[in-house]
C-alpha atoms as a PDB file:
ATOM      1  CA  MET A   1      72.428   1.825 156.280  1.00  0.00           C
ATOM      2  CA  GLN A   2      75.770   2.869 157.752  1.00  0.00           C
ATOM      3  CA  ILE A   3      77.035   1.539 161.094  1.00  0.00           C
ATOM      4  CA  VAL A   4      79.155   4.014 163.024  1.00  0.00           C
ATOM      5  CA  TYR A   5      81.596   2.803 165.705  1.00  0.00           C
ATOM      6  CA  LEU A   6      83.178   5.224 168.143  1.00  0.00           C
ATOM      7  CA  THR A   7      86.612   3.679 167.527  1.00  0.00           C
ATOM      8  CA  SER A   8      86.464   4.014 163.739  1.00  0.00           C
ATOM      9  CA  VAL A   9      85.236   7.575 163.098  1.00  0.00           C
ATOM     10  CA  LYS A  10      85.422  11.016 164.593  1.00  0.00           C
ATOM     11  CA  ILE A  11      82.231  11.857 166.506  1.00  0.00           C
ATOM     12  CA  THR A  12      81.778  15.345 167.918  1.00  0.00           C
ATOM     13  CA  LEU A  13      80.814  15.800 171.565  1.00  0.00           C
ATOM     14  CA  SER A  14      77.379  17.198 170.629  1.00  0.00           C
ATOM     15  CA  HIS A  15      76.847  14.240 168.271  1.00  0.00           C
ATOM     16  CA  TYR A  16      77.755  11.709 170.970  1.00  0.00           C
ATOM     17  CA  LEU A  17      75.627  13.389 173.648  1.00  0.00           C
ATOM     18  CA  ASN A  18      72.564  13.513 171.413  1.00  0.00           C
ATOM     19  CA  ILE A  19      72.863   9.888 170.257  1.00  0.00           C
ATOM     20  CA  THR A  20      73.236   8.593 173.807  1.00  0.00           C
ATOM     21  CA  LEU A  21      70.403  10.833 175.021  1.00  0.00           C
ATOM     22  CA  ILE A  22      68.080   9.438 172.346  1.00  0.00           C
ATOM     23  CA  GLY A  23      69.075   5.869 173.106  1.00  0.00           C
ATOM     24  CA  LEU A  24      68.851   6.133 176.892  1.00  0.00           C
ATOM     25  CA  ALA A  25      65.455   7.831 176.776  1.00  0.00           C
ATOM     26  CA  CYS A  26      64.126   4.842 174.854  1.00  0.00           C
ATOM     27  CA  LEU A  27      66.116   2.001 176.415  1.00  0.00           C
ATOM     28  CA  MET A  28      67.098   2.700 180.018  1.00  0.00           C
ATOM     29  CA  PRO A  29      65.212   0.400 182.391  1.00  0.00           C
ATOM     30  CA  THR A  30      62.524   2.127 184.418  1.00  0.00           C
ATOM     31  CA  PHE A  31      63.702   3.299 187.855  1.00  0.00           C
ATOM     32  CA  GLU A  32      60.734   3.601 190.209  1.00  0.00           C
ATOM     33  CA  ALA A  33      61.039   5.492 193.485  1.00  0.00           C
ATOM     34  CA  PHE A  34      59.788   2.629 195.628  1.00  0.00           C
ATOM     35  CA  ALA A  35      60.966   1.948 199.159  1.00  0.00           C
ATOM     36  CA  ASP A  36      64.008  -0.237 199.794  1.00  0.00           C
ATOM     37  CA  GLN A  37      65.787   0.690 196.557  1.00  0.00           C
ATOM     38  CA  PRO A  38      69.233   2.328 196.405  1.00  0.00           C
ATOM     39  CA  LEU A  39      69.241   6.108 196.498  1.00  0.00           C
ATOM     40  CA  TRP A  40      71.584   6.054 193.496  1.00  0.00           C
ATOM     41  CA  GLU A  41      73.146   3.589 191.066  1.00  0.00           C
ATOM     42  CA  MET A  42      76.062   4.068 188.658  1.00  0.00           C
ATOM     43  CA  GLY A  43      77.172   1.906 185.790  1.00  0.00           C
ATOM     44  CA  GLY A  44      78.199   1.745 182.172  1.00  0.00           C
ATOM     45  CA  GLY A  45      77.056  -0.008 179.070  1.00  0.00           C
ATOM     46  CA  LEU A  46      77.069  -0.421 175.330  1.00  0.00           C
ATOM     47  CA  ILE A  47      74.243   1.082 173.327  1.00  0.00           C
ATOM     48  CA  TYR A  48      73.166   0.339 169.759  1.00  0.00           C
ATOM     49  CA  VAL A  49      70.599   2.589 168.106  1.00  0.00           C
ATOM     50  CA  ASN A  50      69.615   3.327 164.528  1.00  0.00           C
ATOM     51  CA  VAL A  51      68.228   6.765 163.726  1.00  0.00           C
ATOM     52  CA  ARG A  52      66.895   8.646 160.724  1.00  0.00           C
ATOM     53  CA  SER A  53      68.652  11.835 159.724  1.00  0.00           C
ATOM     54  CA  TYR A  54      65.262  13.455 160.328  1.00  0.00           C
ATOM     55  CA  PRO A  55      61.662  12.112 160.257  1.00  0.00           C
ATOM     56  CA  GLY A  56      60.676  11.479 156.657  1.00  0.00           C
ATOM     57  CA  SER A  57      64.257  10.898 155.436  1.00  0.00           C
ATOM     58  CA  ARG A  58      65.278   7.537 154.013  1.00  0.00           C
ATOM     59  CA  HIS A  59      68.861   8.088 155.150  1.00  0.00           C
ATOM     60  CA  THR A  60      69.699   6.190 158.360  1.00  0.00           C
ATOM     61  CA  LYS A  61      72.745   5.577 160.510  1.00  0.00           C
ATOM     62  CA  SER A  62      73.353   2.959 163.184  1.00  0.00           C
ATOM     63  CA  TYR A  63      75.560   3.793 166.172  1.00  0.00           C
ATOM     64  CA  LEU A  64      77.380   1.438 168.539  1.00  0.00           C
ATOM     65  CA  LEU A  65      78.671   3.514 171.458  1.00  0.00           C
ATOM     66  CA  PRO A  66      79.693   3.174 175.120  1.00  0.00           C
ATOM     67  CA  THR A  67      77.479   5.074 177.534  1.00  0.00           C
ATOM     68  CA  PRO A  68      77.394   5.936 181.260  1.00  0.00           C
ATOM     69  CA  ILE A  69      74.353   4.929 183.334  1.00  0.00           C
ATOM     70  CA  LEU A  70      73.098   6.908 186.347  1.00  0.00           C
ATOM     71  CA  HIS A  71      69.941   6.558 188.445  1.00  0.00           C
ATOM     72  CA  TYR A  72      69.270   8.991 191.275  1.00  0.00           C
ATOM     73  CA  ASN A  73      66.174   9.593 193.358  1.00  0.00           C
ATOM     74  CA  GLY A  74      66.954  12.372 195.808  1.00  0.00           C
ATOM     75  CA  LYS A  75      64.449  14.709 197.371  1.00  0.00           C
ATOM     76  CA  TYR A  76      65.292  17.672 195.145  1.00  0.00           C
ATOM     77  CA  LEU A  77      66.977  16.014 192.163  1.00  0.00           C
ATOM     78  CA  LYS A  78      65.796  13.019 190.173  1.00  0.00           C
ATOM     79  CA  ILE A  79      67.498  11.268 187.260  1.00  0.00           C
ATOM     80  CA  ASP A  80      65.541   8.522 185.528  1.00  0.00           C
ATOM     81  CA  GLN A  81      65.182   6.911 182.121  1.00  0.00           C
ATOM     82  CA  ASP A  82      64.232  10.058 180.230  1.00  0.00           C
ATOM     83  CA  SER A  83      64.907  13.156 182.257  1.00  0.00           C
ATOM     84  CA  VAL A  84      66.981  15.078 184.745  1.00  0.00           C
ATOM     85  CA  SER A  85      64.493  16.988 186.847  1.00  0.00           C
ATOM     86  CA  THR A  86      63.678  18.769 190.016  1.00  0.00           C
ATOM     87  CA  PRO A  87      60.088  18.188 191.126  1.00  0.00           C
ATOM     88  CA  ILE A  88      57.818  21.158 190.477  1.00  0.00           C
ATOM     89  CA  PHE A  89      54.685  19.487 191.771  1.00  0.00           C
ATOM     90  CA  LYS A  90      53.904  15.920 192.780  1.00  0.00           C
ATOM     91  CA  SER A  91      50.881  14.097 194.159  1.00  0.00           C
ATOM     92  CA  ASP A  92      49.702  10.496 194.053  1.00  0.00           C
ATOM     93  CA  ARG A  93      48.373  10.971 190.529  1.00  0.00           C
ATOM     94  CA  ILE A  94      50.041  14.082 189.075  1.00  0.00           C
ATOM     95  CA  HIS A  95      53.737  14.772 188.575  1.00  0.00           C
ATOM     96  CA  VAL A  96      55.114  17.943 186.953  1.00  0.00           C
ATOM     97  CA  LYS A  97      58.810  17.894 186.034  1.00  0.00           C
ATOM     98  CA  LEU A  98      61.334  18.863 183.369  1.00  0.00           C
ATOM     99  CA  SER A  99      62.018  16.493 180.476  1.00  0.00           C
ATOM    100  CA  ALA A 100      64.610  16.355 177.704  1.00  0.00           C
ATOM    101  CA  ASP A 101      65.199  14.793 174.301  1.00  0.00           C
ATOM    102  CA  GLY A 102      67.503  15.429 171.359  1.00  0.00           C
ATOM    103  CA  THR A 103      68.365  14.846 167.710  1.00  0.00           C
ATOM    104  CA  PRO A 104      71.793  14.186 166.140  1.00  0.00           C
ATOM    105  CA  PRO A 105      73.463  16.563 163.651  1.00  0.00           C
ATOM    106  CA  VAL A 106      72.957  15.965 159.940  1.00  0.00           C
ATOM    107  CA  ASP A 107      75.600  16.404 157.221  1.00  0.00           C
ATOM    108  CA  SER A 108      73.581  17.511 154.186  1.00  0.00           C
ATOM    109  CA  SER A 109      76.251  16.147 151.828  1.00  0.00           C
ATOM    110  CA  ASP A 110      75.248  12.621 152.972  1.00  0.00           C
ATOM    111  CA  ILE A 111      71.669  13.097 151.736  1.00  0.00           C
ATOM    112  CA  ALA A 112      71.084  13.577 148.009  1.00  0.00           C
ATOM    113  CA  ILE A 113      67.805  15.404 148.504  1.00  0.00           C
ATOM    114  CA  ARG A 114      69.566  18.003 150.726  1.00  0.00           C
ATOM    115  CA  ASP A 115      72.602  18.460 148.478  1.00  0.00           C
ATOM    116  CA  GLN A 116      74.075  22.001 148.753  1.00  0.00           C
ATOM    117  CA  MET A 117      71.740  22.860 151.647  1.00  0.00           C
ATOM    118  CA  PRO A 118      73.043  23.894 155.106  1.00  0.00           C
ATOM    119  CA  ASP A 119      73.856  21.126 157.585  1.00  0.00           C
ATOM    120  CA  LEU A 120      71.505  20.526 160.511  1.00  0.00           C
ATOM    121  CA  ASP A 121      73.005  21.005 163.970  1.00  0.00           C
ATOM    122  CA  ALA A 122      72.313  18.676 166.866  1.00  0.00           C
ATOM    123  CA  THR A 123      69.345  19.797 168.950  1.00  0.00           C
ATOM    124  CA  LEU A 124      68.576  19.681 172.634  1.00  0.00           C
ATOM    125  CA  GLN A 125      64.848  19.694 173.365  1.00  0.00           C
ATOM    126  CA  MET A 126      63.797  20.469 176.927  1.00  0.00           C
ATOM    127  CA  GLY A 127      60.822  21.773 178.847  1.00  0.00           C
ATOM    128  CA  PRO A 128      58.086  20.960 181.365  1.00  0.00           C
ATOM    129  CA  SER A 129      56.166  17.697 181.350  1.00  0.00           C
ATOM    130  CA  ILE A 130      52.862  16.901 183.087  1.00  0.00           C
ATOM    131  CA  GLU A 131      52.362  13.216 183.948  1.00  0.00           C
ATOM    132  CA  ILE A 132      48.991  11.893 185.134  1.00  0.00           C
ATOM    133  CA  ARG A 133      48.427   8.393 186.551  1.00  0.00           C
ATOM    134  CA  LEU A 134      45.128   7.128 185.123  1.00  0.00           C
ATOM    135  CA  ASP A 135      44.653   3.894 187.109  1.00  0.00           C
ATOM    136  CA  ARG A 136      41.823   3.729 189.643  1.00  0.00           C
ATOM    137  CA  ASN A 137      43.886   1.468 191.912  1.00  0.00           C
ATOM    138  CA  LEU A 138      47.254   3.132 192.474  1.00  0.00           C
ATOM    139  CA  SER A 139      48.684   0.071 194.238  1.00  0.00           C
ATOM    140  CA  GLN A 140      48.502  -2.230 191.225  1.00  0.00           C
ATOM    141  CA  PRO A 141      51.753  -2.973 189.325  1.00  0.00           C
ATOM    142  CA  ARG A 142      50.157  -2.184 185.956  1.00  0.00           C
ATOM    143  CA  ARG A 143      50.175   1.501 185.110  1.00  0.00           C
ATOM    144  CA  TRP A 144      48.447   3.756 182.593  1.00  0.00           C
ATOM    145  CA  ILE A 145      50.162   7.145 182.422  1.00  0.00           C
ATOM    146  CA  PHE A 146      49.313  10.193 180.300  1.00  0.00           C
ATOM    147  CA  LYS A 147      52.298  12.456 179.590  1.00  0.00           C
ATOM    148  CA  LEU A 148      52.231  15.932 178.100  1.00  0.00           C
ATOM    149  CA  PRO A 149      55.771  17.267 177.479  1.00  0.00           C
ATOM    150  CA  LEU A 150      56.245  20.690 175.894  1.00  0.00           C
ATOM    151  CA  ARG A 151      59.819  21.214 174.723  1.00  0.00           C
ATOM    152  CA  LEU A 152      61.831  24.134 173.390  1.00  0.00           C
ATOM    153  CA  SER A 153      64.268  23.025 170.672  1.00  0.00           C
ATOM    154  CA  LEU A 154      67.774  24.515 170.743  1.00  0.00           C
ATOM    155  CA  ALA A 155      70.174  23.759 167.877  1.00  0.00           C
ATOM    156  CA  THR A 156      73.899  23.851 168.630  1.00  0.00           C
ATOM    157  CA  ASP A 157      77.330  22.746 167.472  1.00  0.00           C
ATOM    158  CA  LEU A 158      78.752  23.835 170.882  1.00  0.00           C
ATOM    159  CA  SER A 159      79.974  27.136 169.396  1.00  0.00           C
ATOM    160  CA  HIS A 160      76.512  28.733 169.130  1.00  0.00           C
ATOM    161  CA  VAL A 161      72.905  28.077 170.229  1.00  0.00           C
ATOM    162  CA  ASP A 162      69.841  28.887 168.094  1.00  0.00           C
ATOM    163  CA  ASP A 163      66.149  28.801 168.993  1.00  0.00           C
ATOM    164  CA  ARG A 164      64.426  26.289 166.697  1.00  0.00           C
ATOM    165  CA  GLY A 165      60.871  26.468 167.983  1.00  0.00           C
ATOM    166  CA  TRP A 166      58.773  24.177 170.159  1.00  0.00           C
ATOM    167  CA  LEU A 167      57.356  20.662 170.081  1.00  0.00           C
ATOM    168  CA  LEU A 168      54.313  19.256 171.929  1.00  0.00           C
ATOM    169  CA  ASN A 169      54.364  15.456 172.395  1.00  0.00           C
ATOM    170  CA  PRO A 170      51.229  13.980 174.106  1.00  0.00           C
ATOM    171  CA  LYS A 171      51.778  10.322 175.103  1.00  0.00           C
ATOM    172  CA  LEU A 172      49.737   7.497 176.583  1.00  0.00           C
ATOM    173  CA  ARG A 173      51.985   4.875 178.206  1.00  0.00           C
ATOM    174  CA  TYR A 174      51.147   1.439 179.571  1.00  0.00           C
ATOM    175  CA  GLN A 175      53.783  -0.274 181.701  1.00  0.00           C
ATOM    176  CA  ARG A 176      53.854  -3.403 183.801  1.00  0.00           C
ATOM    177  CA  GLN A 177      56.150  -6.125 185.074  1.00  0.00           C
ATOM    178  CA  ILE A 178      55.837  -9.529 183.415  1.00  0.00           C
ATOM    179  CA  THR A 179      56.562 -12.559 185.627  1.00  0.00           C
ATOM    180  CA  PHE A 180      56.708 -16.068 184.188  1.00  0.00           C
ATOM    181  CA  GLN A 181      55.598 -19.225 185.988  1.00  0.00           C
ATOM    182  CA  ASN A 182      58.679 -21.439 186.161  1.00  0.00           C
ATOM    183  CA  SER A 183      56.557 -24.502 186.922  1.00  0.00           C
ATOM    184  CA  ASP A 184      55.745 -24.693 183.226  1.00  0.00           C
ATOM    185  CA  PRO A 185      58.477 -26.830 181.557  1.00  0.00           C
ATOM    186  CA  LEU A 186      58.189 -24.702 178.441  1.00  0.00           C
ATOM    187  CA  LEU A 187      59.370 -21.710 180.478  1.00  0.00           C
ATOM    188  CA  SER A 188      62.449 -23.309 182.000  1.00  0.00           C
ATOM    189  CA  ASN A 189      64.741 -21.086 179.915  1.00  0.00           C
ATOM    190  CA  PRO A 190      66.978 -19.052 182.302  1.00  0.00           C
ATOM    191  CA  LEU A 191      66.051 -15.907 180.357  1.00  0.00           C
ATOM    192  CA  LEU A 192      62.485 -16.315 181.630  1.00  0.00           C
ATOM    193  CA  SER A 193      63.398 -16.933 185.251  1.00  0.00           C
ATOM    194  CA  LYS A 194      63.563 -13.188 185.997  1.00  0.00           C
ATOM    195  CA  PRO A 195      60.678 -10.712 185.616  1.00  0.00           C
ATOM    196  CA  MET A 196      60.694  -8.320 182.662  1.00  0.00           C
ATOM    197  CA  ASP A 197      59.573  -4.690 182.554  1.00  0.00           C
ATOM    198  CA  PHE A 198      57.317  -3.911 179.581  1.00  0.00           C
ATOM    199  CA  ARG A 199      56.420  -0.448 178.220  1.00  0.00           C
ATOM    200  CA  PHE A 200      54.035   0.423 175.386  1.00  0.00           C
ATOM    201  CA  THR A 201      53.579   4.025 174.233  1.00  0.00           C
ATOM    202  CA  LEU A 202      51.127   5.636 171.832  1.00  0.00           C
ATOM    203  CA  ALA A 203      52.064   9.233 170.978  1.00  0.00           C
ATOM    204  CA  THR A 204      51.454  12.119 168.630  1.00  0.00           C
ATOM    205  CA  LEU A 205      53.407  15.313 167.902  1.00  0.00           C
ATOM    206  CA  PHE A 206      52.599  18.958 167.159  1.00  0.00           C
ATOM    207  CA  ALA A 207      55.130  21.680 166.358  1.00  0.00           C
ATOM    208  CA  ASN A 208      55.272  25.329 165.370  1.00  0.00           C
ATOM    209  CA  ARG A 209      56.479  26.652 162.025  1.00  0.00           C
ATOM    210  CA  ARG A 210      59.986  27.524 163.248  1.00  0.00           C
ATOM    211  CA  TYR A 211      60.594  23.931 164.354  1.00  0.00           C
ATOM    212  CA  LEU A 212      59.231  22.320 161.158  1.00  0.00           C
ATOM    213  CA  GLU A 213      60.933  24.824 158.870  1.00  0.00           C
ATOM    214  CA  TYR A 214      64.325  23.781 160.245  1.00  0.00           C
ATOM    215  CA  TYR A 215      63.869  20.245 158.872  1.00  0.00           C
ATOM    216  CA  TYR A 216      61.427  20.615 155.961  1.00  0.00           C
ATOM    217  CA  GLY A 217      61.670  24.199 154.742  1.00  0.00           C
ATOM    218  CA  VAL A 218      63.515  25.076 151.533  1.00  0.00           C
ATOM    219  CA  ASP A 219      64.751  28.660 151.340  1.00  0.00           C
ATOM    220  CA  PRO A 220      64.499  30.203 147.809  1.00  0.00           C
ATOM    221  CA  ALA A 221      68.307  30.480 147.794  1.00  0.00           C
ATOM    222  CA  PHE A 222      68.558  26.660 147.838  1.00  0.00           C
ATOM    223  CA  ALA A 223      65.648  25.886 145.519  1.00  0.00           C
ATOM    224  CA  THR A 224      66.259  23.850 142.353  1.00  0.00           C
ATOM    225  CA  SER A 225      64.075  22.420 139.610  1.00  0.00           C
ATOM    226  CA  ASP A 226      63.717  19.218 141.660  1.00  0.00           C
ATOM    227  CA  ARG A 227      63.530  20.998 145.037  1.00  0.00           C
ATOM    228  CA  PRO A 228      61.171  23.993 144.922  1.00  0.00           C
ATOM    229  CA  SER A 229      61.098  26.520 147.740  1.00  0.00           C
ATOM    230  CA  TYR A 230      58.808  25.439 150.557  1.00  0.00           C
ATOM    231  CA  GLN A 231      57.604  26.701 153.928  1.00  0.00           C
ATOM    232  CA  PRO A 232      55.625  24.335 156.187  1.00  0.00           C
ATOM    233  CA  ALA A 233      52.774  25.427 158.428  1.00  0.00           C
ATOM    234  CA  SER A 234      52.652  24.734 162.152  1.00  0.00           C
ATOM    235  CA  GLY A 235      50.466  21.867 163.365  1.00  0.00           C
ATOM    236  CA  TYR A 236      50.343  18.069 163.260  1.00  0.00           C
ATOM    237  CA  ALA A 237      53.822  16.472 162.967  1.00  0.00           C
ATOM    238  CA  GLY A 238      53.121  12.722 163.012  1.00  0.00           C
ATOM    239  CA  SER A 239      52.288   9.860 165.385  1.00  0.00           C
ATOM    240  CA  TYR A 240      54.123   6.783 166.619  1.00  0.00           C
ATOM    241  CA  VAL A 241      53.862   3.638 168.700  1.00  0.00           C
ATOM    242  CA  SER A 242      56.807   2.184 170.620  1.00  0.00           C
ATOM    243  CA  MET A 243      57.520  -0.893 172.726  1.00  0.00           C
ATOM    244  CA  ALA A 244      60.395  -1.591 175.119  1.00  0.00           C
ATOM    245  CA  ILE A 245      61.321  -4.612 177.231  1.00  0.00           C
ATOM    246  CA  SER A 246      64.033  -4.628 179.895  1.00  0.00           C
ATOM    247  CA  GLN A 247      65.332  -7.149 182.410  1.00  0.00           C
ATOM    248  CA  HIS A 248      67.686  -7.110 185.422  1.00  0.00           C
ATOM    249  CA  TRP A 249      70.161  -9.923 186.146  1.00  0.00           C
ATOM    250  CA  GLY A 250      71.813  -8.879 189.379  1.00  0.00           C
ATOM    251  CA  SER A 251      74.170  -6.081 188.307  1.00  0.00           C
ATOM    252  CA  TRP A 252      73.541  -6.739 184.601  1.00  0.00           C
ATOM    253  CA  ASN A 253      70.681  -5.165 182.637  1.00  0.00           C
ATOM    254  CA  TRP A 254      69.461  -5.362 179.054  1.00  0.00           C
ATOM    255  CA  SER A 255      66.786  -3.503 177.117  1.00  0.00           C
ATOM    256  CA  VAL A 256      65.395  -3.662 173.589  1.00  0.00           C
ATOM    257  CA  TYR A 257      63.276  -1.002 171.944  1.00  0.00           C
ATOM    258  CA  THR A 258      61.358  -0.562 168.677  1.00  0.00           C
ATOM    259  CA  ARG A 259      59.260   2.271 167.290  1.00  0.00           C
ATOM    260  CA  VAL A 260      57.117   2.821 164.182  1.00  0.00           C
ATOM    261  CA  LYS A 261      56.260   6.376 163.156  1.00  0.00           C
ATOM    262  CA  TRP A 262      53.669   7.637 160.665  1.00  0.00           C
ATOM    263  CA  LEU A 263      53.858  11.059 158.998  1.00  0.00           C
ATOM    264  CA  LYS A 264      50.794  10.734 156.736  1.00  0.00           C
ATOM    265  CA  GLY A 265      48.645  13.853 157.083  1.00  0.00           C
ATOM    266  CA  SER A 266      51.400  15.968 158.643  1.00  0.00           C
ATOM    267  CA  THR A 267      51.530  19.662 157.758  1.00  0.00           C
ATOM    268  CA  PHE A 268      54.898  19.123 156.011  1.00  0.00           C
ATOM    269  CA  GLU A 269      53.878  16.026 154.022  1.00  0.00           C
ATOM    270  CA  THR A 270      54.264  17.879 150.706  1.00  0.00           C
ATOM    271  CA  SER A 271      57.777  19.159 151.493  1.00  0.00           C
ATOM    272  CA  PRO A 272      60.318  18.304 148.751  1.00  0.00           C
ATOM    273  CA  LEU A 273      62.591  17.055 151.575  1.00  0.00           C
ATOM    274  CA  MET A 274      60.124  14.288 152.501  1.00  0.00           C
ATOM    275  CA  GLU A 275      61.003  10.843 151.164  1.00  0.00           C
ATOM    276  CA  THR A 276      58.767   8.494 153.176  1.00  0.00           C
ATOM    277  CA  ASN A 277      55.637   8.696 155.326  1.00  0.00           C
ATOM    278  CA  GLN A 278      56.623   5.801 157.589  1.00  0.00           C
ATOM    279  CA  GLU A 279      59.781   4.919 159.467  1.00  0.00           C
ATOM    280  CA  LYS A 280      61.042   2.313 161.940  1.00  0.00           C
ATOM    281  CA  GLN A 281      63.600   2.564 164.729  1.00  0.00           C
ATOM    282  CA  PHE A 282      65.352  -0.055 166.827  1.00  0.00           C
ATOM    283  CA  GLY A 283      67.735   0.005 169.773  1.00  0.00           C
ATOM    284  CA  LEU A 284      69.565  -2.278 172.213  1.00  0.00           C
ATOM    285  CA  LEU A 285      71.281  -1.526 175.540  1.00  0.00           C
ATOM    286  CA  ILE A 286      73.447  -3.824 177.670  1.00  0.00           C
ATOM    287  CA  SER A 287      74.715  -2.311 180.921  1.00  0.00           C
ATOM    288  CA  TYR A 288      76.419  -3.206 184.188  1.00  0.00           C
ATOM    289  CA  THR A 289      75.866  -1.522 187.565  1.00  0.00           C
ATOM    290  CA  PHE A 290      79.258  -1.245 189.280  1.00  0.00           C
ATOM    291  CA  ALA A 291      78.293   0.910 192.289  1.00  0.00           C
ATOM    292  CA  ARG A 292      75.146   1.624 194.282  1.00  0.00           C
ATOM    293  CA  SER A 293      74.291   3.584 197.389  1.00  0.00           C
ATOM    294  CA  LEU A 294      73.948   1.884 200.753  1.00  0.00           C
ATOM    295  CA  GLN A 295      71.321   4.491 201.577  1.00  0.00           C
ATOM    296  CA  ARG A 296      67.837   3.390 200.564  1.00  0.00           C
ATOM    297  CA  VAL A 297      64.904   5.359 199.201  1.00  0.00           C
ATOM    298  CA  PRO A 298      62.689   6.115 202.229  1.00  0.00           C
ATOM    299  CA  ASP A 299      58.981   5.339 202.416  1.00  0.00           C
END
């Protein structure tokens, strides 16, 4: 595993944007549009995240990078932990918005199994997302939310943009705030004196052939005796579970995140570019809020 520091290597703008987008989507503390919260908050932080070159690859890199933090909850523009959106439709239980994700670029020379193959550009994945609140009692702090994002994948090195297909990512998320009872002497640790936000997500993925071919296809021009030509079919692209915990300490915030992904049974499982059917991911974010709006979110 290679650790990449911003101060020690050259990182392209697209590389940096995709790494921070991945990390913030997983790690940024949840910003709920409740009354008596600032309309906006700005800050900065340090993010650590380890990522696979692509799902199924054994090659990983760890990044330690500075990152800006922005929360905004205006009437027509909303910025939260995983999207920049303008509301399309919203009710007490249903919310339709735009969502975004991304993947970092891959240098094929770093991966033996992709030797002499074209590099993979960074991708920006964006599209509509339907979110449905499943709880019977909407006033309770615990929440079960079903999310159905459909994203178009665009590959770019900032000099060109290519359509790389679509990805469907159904998710079931459970989130709640954990508060400890300080009367218990075993819980006198200052770390436990503040409530923590907990998120658990169970998800699966489906993609079309164009998307999967970008990562797992082998064109006949790049086939070898150990890497036969291959074209995946569209369909099931794996499942994962993730957990994240975050906590606020005045203007300071921290979050930790872990995810385990399984690719057994995927339509590209037999690709010669597949090295493992299971992968793990971990991330850490420490941030500081240095400015916030005096205007509050209205009821």
